[in-house]
Amino acid sequence: MVAGILRRGFGLPWQRVLGAGGAIKLTGDNAIEQRLRLEAEGVRFRGRKVDMKAHEFKPKPPKKAKAGNPRWQ
């Protein structure tokens, strides 16, 4: 639903909005277009889902504050 709304013209990368586990939730021609756009970006698929092990966002852990750093006291 979100991808379908974004697709209507907000200028955002709507094709990157996926369902749980990397599933494309759009249907019909919209689903085909989404897959083609993702593949054009170099996204790999495992069957009908995006290979999330290869493409999911993994944030870096926050840096630990040094002892005695006044910013954190």
PDB file of N, CA and C in Angstrom:
ATOM      1  N   MET A   1       0.820  -1.186   0.000  1.00  0.00           N
ATOM      2  CA  MET A   1       0.000   0.000   0.000  1.00  0.00           C
ATOM      3  C   MET A   1       0.870   1.258   0.000  1.00  0.00           C
ATOM      4  N   VAL A   2       1.896   1.286   0.854  1.00  0.00           N
ATOM      5  CA  VAL A   2       2.770   2.453   0.928  1.00  0.00           C
ATOM      6  C   VAL A   2       3.484   2.672  -0.404  1.00  0.00           C
ATOM      7  N   ALA A   3       4.013   1.590  -0.982  1.00  0.00           N
ATOM      8  CA  ALA A   3       4.710   1.716  -2.263  1.00  0.00           C
ATOM      9  C   ALA A   3       3.765   2.238  -3.340  1.00  0.00           C
ATOM     10  N   GLY A   4       2.530   1.781  -3.317  1.00  0.00           N
ATOM     11  CA  GLY A   4       1.551   2.238  -4.297  1.00  0.00           C
ATOM     12  C   GLY A   4       1.258   3.724  -4.166  1.00  0.00           C
ATOM     13  N   ILE A   5       1.194   4.213  -2.948  1.00  0.00           N
ATOM     14  CA  ILE A   5       0.946   5.640  -2.715  1.00  0.00           C
ATOM     15  C   ILE A   5       2.157   6.463  -3.143  1.00  0.00           C
ATOM     16  N   LEU A   6       3.356   6.023  -2.743  1.00  0.00           N
ATOM     17  CA  LEU A   6       4.575   6.752  -3.112  1.00  0.00           C
ATOM     18  C   LEU A   6       4.772   6.775  -4.622  1.00  0.00           C
ATOM     19  N   ARG A   7       4.375   5.712  -5.281  1.00  0.00           N
ATOM     20  CA  ARG A   7       4.536   5.584  -6.738  1.00  0.00           C
ATOM     21  C   ARG A   7       3.781   6.673  -7.492  1.00  0.00           C
ATOM     22  N   ARG A   8       2.778   7.230  -6.887  1.00  0.00           N
ATOM     23  CA  ARG A   8       1.916   8.199  -7.574  1.00  0.00           C
ATOM     24  C   ARG A   8       2.558   9.550  -7.835  1.00  0.00           C
ATOM     25  N   GLY A   9       3.774   9.774  -7.368  1.00  0.00           N
ATOM     26  CA  GLY A   9       4.408  11.014  -7.767  1.00  0.00           C
ATOM     27  C   GLY A   9       5.086  11.838  -6.703  1.00  0.00           C
ATOM     28  N   PHE A  10       5.597  11.228  -5.682  1.00  0.00           N
ATOM     29  CA  PHE A  10       6.303  11.991  -4.669  1.00  0.00           C
ATOM     30  C   PHE A  10       7.792  12.111  -4.972  1.00  0.00           C
ATOM     31  N   GLY A  11       8.261  11.482  -6.048  1.00  0.00           N
ATOM     32  CA  GLY A  11       9.666  11.559  -6.424  1.00  0.00           C
ATOM     33  C   GLY A  11      10.571  10.766  -5.500  1.00  0.00           C
ATOM     34  N   LEU A  12      10.009   9.817  -4.760  1.00  0.00           N
ATOM     35  CA  LEU A  12      10.791   9.000  -3.840  1.00  0.00           C
ATOM     36  C   LEU A  12      11.037   7.624  -4.450  1.00  0.00           C
ATOM     37  N   PRO A  13      12.055   6.897  -3.986  1.00  0.00           N
ATOM     38  CA  PRO A  13      12.349   5.566  -4.532  1.00  0.00           C
ATOM     39  C   PRO A  13      11.346   4.522  -4.024  1.00  0.00           C
ATOM     40  N   TRP A  14      10.123   4.600  -4.468  1.00  0.00           N
ATOM     41  CA  TRP A  14       9.033   3.746  -4.006  1.00  0.00           C
ATOM     42  C   TRP A  14       9.326   2.271  -4.203  1.00  0.00           C
ATOM     43  N   GLN A  15      10.133   1.951  -5.204  1.00  0.00           N
ATOM     44  CA  GLN A  15      10.401   0.547  -5.495  1.00  0.00           C
ATOM     45  C   GLN A  15      11.159  -0.137  -4.357  1.00  0.00           C
ATOM     46  N   ARG A  16      11.740   0.640  -3.453  1.00  0.00           N
ATOM     47  CA  ARG A  16      12.503   0.058  -2.342  1.00  0.00           C
ATOM     48  C   ARG A  16      11.637  -0.307  -1.138  1.00  0.00           C
ATOM     49  N   VAL A  17      10.359  -0.010  -1.206  1.00  0.00           N
ATOM     50  CA  VAL A  17       9.447  -0.360  -0.110  1.00  0.00           C
ATOM     51  C   VAL A  17       8.966  -1.790  -0.337  1.00  0.00           C
ATOM     52  N   LEU A  18       9.326  -2.662   0.614  1.00  0.00           N
ATOM     53  CA  LEU A  18       9.004  -4.081   0.491  1.00  0.00           C
ATOM     54  C   LEU A  18       8.221  -4.559   1.699  1.00  0.00           C
ATOM     55  N   GLY A  19       7.599  -5.702   1.533  1.00  0.00           N
ATOM     56  CA  GLY A  19       6.915  -6.338   2.650  1.00  0.00           C
ATOM     57  C   GLY A  19       7.894  -7.154   3.479  1.00  0.00           C
ATOM     58  N   ALA A  20       7.373  -7.806   4.504  1.00  0.00           N
ATOM     59  CA  ALA A  20       8.194  -8.619   5.396  1.00  0.00           C
ATOM     60  C   ALA A  20       8.972  -9.660   4.603  1.00  0.00           C
ATOM     61  N   GLY A  21      10.232  -9.815   4.963  1.00  0.00           N
ATOM     62  CA  GLY A  21      11.063 -10.821   4.322  1.00  0.00           C
ATOM     63  C   GLY A  21      11.468 -10.492   2.903  1.00  0.00           C
ATOM     64  N   GLY A  22      11.211  -9.254   2.451  1.00  0.00           N
ATOM     65  CA  GLY A  22      11.615  -8.847   1.111  1.00  0.00           C
ATOM     66  C   GLY A  22      10.582  -9.091   0.023  1.00  0.00           C
ATOM     67  N   ALA A  23       9.343  -9.339   0.426  1.00  0.00           N
ATOM     68  CA  ALA A  23       8.288  -9.621  -0.555  1.00  0.00           C
ATOM     69  C   ALA A  23       7.787  -8.349  -1.228  1.00  0.00           C
ATOM     70  N   ILE A  24       7.549  -8.441  -2.517  1.00  0.00           N
ATOM     71  CA  ILE A  24       6.886  -7.362  -3.253  1.00  0.00           C
ATOM     72  C   ILE A  24       5.393  -7.521  -3.002  1.00  0.00           C
ATOM     73  N   LYS A  25       4.777  -6.506  -2.434  1.00  0.00           N
ATOM     74  CA  LYS A  25       3.370  -6.595  -2.059  1.00  0.00           C
ATOM     75  C   LYS A  25       2.428  -6.025  -3.122  1.00  0.00           C
ATOM     76  N   LEU A  26       2.976  -5.312  -4.095  1.00  0.00           N
ATOM     77  CA  LEU A  26       2.138  -4.816  -5.177  1.00  0.00           C
ATOM     78  C   LEU A  26       1.717  -5.990  -6.051  1.00  0.00           C
ATOM     79  N   THR A  27       0.727  -5.763  -6.902  1.00  0.00           N
ATOM     80  CA  THR A  27       0.239  -6.829  -7.774  1.00  0.00           C
ATOM     81  C   THR A  27       0.272  -6.388  -9.227  1.00  0.00           C
ATOM     82  N   GLY A  28       0.164  -7.338 -10.119  1.00  0.00           N
ATOM     83  CA  GLY A  28       0.049  -7.064 -11.548  1.00  0.00           C
ATOM     84  C   GLY A  28       1.244  -6.330 -12.122  1.00  0.00           C
ATOM     85  N   ASP A  29       0.944  -5.387 -13.020  1.00  0.00           N
ATOM     86  CA  ASP A  29       1.997  -4.633 -13.703  1.00  0.00           C
ATOM     87  C   ASP A  29       2.854  -3.827 -12.734  1.00  0.00           C
ATOM     88  N   ASN A  30       2.257  -3.349 -11.650  1.00  0.00           N
ATOM     89  CA  ASN A  30       3.026  -2.583 -10.661  1.00  0.00           C
ATOM     90  C   ASN A  30       4.098  -3.447 -10.009  1.00  0.00           C
ATOM     91  N   ALA A  31       3.779  -4.711  -9.724  1.00  0.00           N
ATOM     92  CA  ALA A  31       4.755  -5.624  -9.133  1.00  0.00           C
ATOM     93  C   ALA A  31       5.889  -5.908 -10.110  1.00  0.00           C
ATOM     94  N   ILE A  32       5.544  -6.071 -11.374  1.00  0.00           N
ATOM     95  CA  ILE A  32       6.564  -6.319 -12.400  1.00  0.00           C
ATOM     96  C   ILE A  32       7.484  -5.106 -12.520  1.00  0.00           C
ATOM     97  N   GLU A  33       6.902  -3.916 -12.547  1.00  0.00           N
ATOM     98  CA  GLU A  33       7.707  -2.695 -12.636  1.00  0.00           C
ATOM     99  C   GLU A  33       8.627  -2.562 -11.423  1.00  0.00           C
ATOM    100  N   GLN A  34       8.109  -2.864 -10.232  1.00  0.00           N
ATOM    101  CA  GLN A  34       8.919  -2.765  -9.027  1.00  0.00           C
ATOM    102  C   GLN A  34      10.113  -3.720  -9.108  1.00  0.00           C
ATOM    103  N   ARG A  35       9.858  -4.942  -9.511  1.00  0.00           N
ATOM    104  CA  ARG A  35      10.945  -5.914  -9.617  1.00  0.00           C
ATOM    105  C   ARG A  35      11.973  -5.467 -10.653  1.00  0.00           C
ATOM    106  N   LEU A  36      11.524  -5.000 -11.794  1.00  0.00           N
ATOM    107  CA  LEU A  36      12.453  -4.549 -12.841  1.00  0.00           C
ATOM    108  C   LEU A  36      13.294  -3.370 -12.368  1.00  0.00           C
ATOM    109  N   ARG A  37      12.681  -2.439 -11.636  1.00  0.00           N
ATOM    110  CA  ARG A  37      13.438  -1.297 -11.107  1.00  0.00           C
ATOM    111  C   ARG A  37      14.485  -1.749 -10.096  1.00  0.00           C
ATOM    112  N   LEU A  38      14.107  -2.678  -9.225  1.00  0.00           N
ATOM    113  CA  LEU A  38      15.050  -3.184  -8.235  1.00  0.00           C
ATOM    114  C   LEU A  38      16.198  -3.934  -8.908  1.00  0.00           C
ATOM    115  N   GLU A  39      15.873  -4.763  -9.887  1.00  0.00           N
ATOM    116  CA  GLU A  39      16.916  -5.490 -10.615  1.00  0.00           C
ATOM    117  C   GLU A  39      17.853  -4.531 -11.339  1.00  0.00           C
ATOM    118  N   ALA A  40      17.315  -3.428 -11.863  1.00  0.00           N
ATOM    119  CA  ALA A  40      18.147  -2.418 -12.533  1.00  0.00           C
ATOM    120  C   ALA A  40      19.105  -1.753 -11.552  1.00  0.00           C
ATOM    121  N   GLU A  41      18.747  -1.737 -10.262  1.00  0.00           N
ATOM    122  CA  GLU A  41      19.619  -1.189  -9.217  1.00  0.00           C
ATOM    123  C   GLU A  41      20.626  -2.223  -8.723  1.00  0.00           C
ATOM    124  N   GLY A  42      20.542  -3.441  -9.240  1.00  0.00           N
ATOM    125  CA  GLY A  42      21.473  -4.484  -8.839  1.00  0.00           C
ATOM    126  C   GLY A  42      20.983  -5.361  -7.701  1.00  0.00           C
ATOM    127  N   VAL A  43      19.704  -5.265  -7.374  1.00  0.00           N
ATOM    128  CA  VAL A  43      19.133  -6.064  -6.285  1.00  0.00           C
ATOM    129  C   VAL A  43      18.920  -7.493  -6.788  1.00  0.00           C
ATOM    130  N   ARG A  44      19.366  -8.466  -5.973  1.00  0.00           N
ATOM    131  CA  ARG A  44      19.198  -9.876  -6.312  1.00  0.00           C
ATOM    132  C   ARG A  44      17.944 -10.425  -5.641  1.00  0.00           C
ATOM    133  N   PHE A  45      17.338 -11.383  -6.300  1.00  0.00           N
ATOM    134  CA  PHE A  45      16.136 -12.029  -5.787  1.00  0.00           C
ATOM    135  C   PHE A  45      16.403 -13.495  -5.500  1.00  0.00           C
ATOM    136  N   ARG A  46      15.678 -14.015  -4.526  1.00  0.00           N
ATOM    137  CA  ARG A  46      15.630 -15.445  -4.240  1.00  0.00           C
ATOM    138  C   ARG A  46      14.174 -15.838  -4.472  1.00  0.00           C
ATOM    139  N   GLY A  47      13.908 -16.370  -5.636  1.00  0.00           N
ATOM    140  CA  GLY A  47      12.523 -16.665  -6.005  1.00  0.00           C
ATOM    141  C   GLY A  47      11.763 -15.366  -6.220  1.00  0.00           C
ATOM    142  N   ARG A  48      10.687 -15.178  -5.467  1.00  0.00           N
ATOM    143  CA  ARG A  48       9.848 -13.988  -5.629  1.00  0.00           C
ATOM    144  C   ARG A  48      10.156 -12.898  -4.611  1.00  0.00           C
ATOM    145  N   LYS A  49      11.192 -13.126  -3.781  1.00  0.00           N
ATOM    146  CA  LYS A  49      11.543 -12.153  -2.746  1.00  0.00           C
ATOM    147  C   LYS A  49      12.959 -11.628  -2.939  1.00  0.00           C
ATOM    148  N   VAL A  50      13.187 -10.416  -2.441  1.00  0.00           N
ATOM    149  CA  VAL A  50      14.526  -9.841  -2.450  1.00  0.00           C
ATOM    150  C   VAL A  50      15.401 -10.658  -1.507  1.00  0.00           C
ATOM    151  N   ASP A  51      16.636 -10.879  -1.904  1.00  0.00           N
ATOM    152  CA  ASP A  51      17.607 -11.577  -1.057  1.00  0.00           C
ATOM    153  C   ASP A  51      18.008 -10.622   0.068  1.00  0.00           C
ATOM    154  N   MET A  52      17.286 -10.694   1.174  1.00  0.00           N
ATOM    155  CA  MET A  52      17.485  -9.741   2.261  1.00  0.00           C
ATOM    156  C   MET A  52      18.835  -9.910   2.950  1.00  0.00           C
ATOM    157  N   LYS A  53      19.409 -11.105   2.939  1.00  0.00           N
ATOM    158  CA  LYS A  53      20.731 -11.287   3.533  1.00  0.00           C
ATOM    159  C   LYS A  53      21.767 -10.450   2.791  1.00  0.00           C
ATOM    160  N   ALA A  54      21.551 -10.249   1.520  1.00  0.00           N
ATOM    161  CA  ALA A  54      22.494  -9.472   0.713  1.00  0.00           C
ATOM    162  C   ALA A  54      22.175  -7.981   0.704  1.00  0.00           C
ATOM    163  N   HIS A  55      20.910  -7.604   0.917  1.00  0.00           N
ATOM    164  CA  HIS A  55      20.508  -6.223   0.672  1.00  0.00           C
ATOM    165  C   HIS A  55      19.888  -5.468   1.841  1.00  0.00           C
ATOM    166  N   GLU A  56      19.622  -6.128   2.960  1.00  0.00           N
ATOM    167  CA  GLU A  56      18.970  -5.391   4.039  1.00  0.00           C
ATOM    168  C   GLU A  56      19.912  -4.360   4.658  1.00  0.00           C
ATOM    169  N   PHE A  57      19.330  -3.302   5.193  1.00  0.00           N
ATOM    170  CA  PHE A  57      20.099  -2.238   5.834  1.00  0.00           C
ATOM    171  C   PHE A  57      20.570  -2.723   7.194  1.00  0.00           C
ATOM    172  N   LYS A  58      21.860  -2.590   7.430  1.00  0.00           N
ATOM    173  CA  LYS A  58      22.437  -2.988   8.708  1.00  0.00           C
ATOM    174  C   LYS A  58      23.129  -1.773   9.303  1.00  0.00           C
ATOM    175  N   PRO A  59      22.490  -1.105  10.257  1.00  0.00           N
ATOM    176  CA  PRO A  59      23.104   0.094  10.840  1.00  0.00           C
ATOM    177  C   PRO A  59      24.368  -0.265  11.624  1.00  0.00           C
ATOM    178  N   LYS A  60      25.310   0.663  11.620  1.00  0.00           N
ATOM    179  CA  LYS A  60      26.529   0.472  12.397  1.00  0.00           C
ATOM    180  C   LYS A  60      26.207   0.687  13.870  1.00  0.00           C
ATOM    181  N   PRO A  61      26.833  -0.098  14.729  1.00  0.00           N
ATOM    182  CA  PRO A  61      26.592   0.123  16.162  1.00  0.00           C
ATOM    183  C   PRO A  61      27.143   1.475  16.578  1.00  0.00           C
ATOM    184  N   PRO A  62      26.508   2.123  17.550  1.00  0.00           N
ATOM    185  CA  PRO A  62      26.990   3.442  17.980  1.00  0.00           C
ATOM    186  C   PRO A  62      28.388   3.333  18.583  1.00  0.00           C
ATOM    187  N   LYS A  63      29.164   4.395  18.395  1.00  0.00           N
ATOM    188  CA  LYS A  63      30.502   4.428  18.972  1.00  0.00           C
ATOM    189  C   LYS A  63      30.388   4.566  20.484  1.00  0.00           C
ATOM    190  N   LYS A  64      31.267   3.883  21.169  1.00  0.00           N
ATOM    191  CA  LYS A  64      31.271   3.965  22.636  1.00  0.00           C
ATOM    192  C   LYS A  64      32.007   5.231  23.049  1.00  0.00           C
ATOM    193  N   ALA A  65      31.486   5.890  24.063  1.00  0.00           N
ATOM    194  CA  ALA A  65      32.118   7.106  24.576  1.00  0.00           C
ATOM    195  C   ALA A  65      33.404   6.738  25.309  1.00  0.00           C
ATOM    196  N   LYS A  66      34.410   7.565  25.142  1.00  0.00           N
ATOM    197  CA  LYS A  66      35.665   7.353  25.847  1.00  0.00           C
ATOM    198  C   LYS A  66      35.492   7.776  27.301  1.00  0.00           C
ATOM    199  N   ALA A  67      36.173   7.077  28.192  1.00  0.00           N
ATOM    200  CA  ALA A  67      36.110   7.432  29.605  1.00  0.00           C
ATOM    201  C   ALA A  67      36.630   8.832  29.801  1.00  0.00           C
ATOM    202  N   GLY A  68      35.913   9.620  30.584  1.00  0.00           N
ATOM    203  CA  GLY A  68      36.335  10.990  30.872  1.00  0.00           C
ATOM    204  C   GLY A  68      35.937  11.994  29.808  1.00  0.00           C
ATOM    205  N   ASN A  69      35.157  11.574  28.819  1.00  0.00           N
ATOM    206  CA  ASN A  69      34.705  12.496  27.768  1.00  0.00           C
ATOM    207  C   ASN A  69      33.585  13.366  28.345  1.00  0.00           C
ATOM    208  N   PRO A  70      33.784  14.672  28.480  1.00  0.00           N
ATOM    209  CA  PRO A  70      32.762  15.520  29.110  1.00  0.00           C
ATOM    210  C   PRO A  70      31.451  15.601  28.333  1.00  0.00           C
ATOM    211  N   ARG A  71      31.472  15.244  27.042  1.00  0.00           N
ATOM    212  CA  ARG A  71      30.229  15.263  26.265  1.00  0.00           C
ATOM    213  C   ARG A  71      29.211  14.286  26.811  1.00  0.00           C
ATOM    214  N   TRP A  72      29.640  13.237  27.444  1.00  0.00           N
ATOM    215  CA  TRP A  72      28.742  12.185  27.882  1.00  0.00           C
ATOM    216  C   TRP A  72      28.518  12.183  29.387  1.00  0.00           C
ATOM    217  N   GLN A  73      28.926  13.194  30.053  1.00  0.00           N
ATOM    218  CA  GLN A  73      28.758  13.235  31.512  1.00  0.00           C
ATOM    219  C   GLN A  73      27.677  14.210  31.908  1.00  0.00           C
TER     220      GLN A  73
END
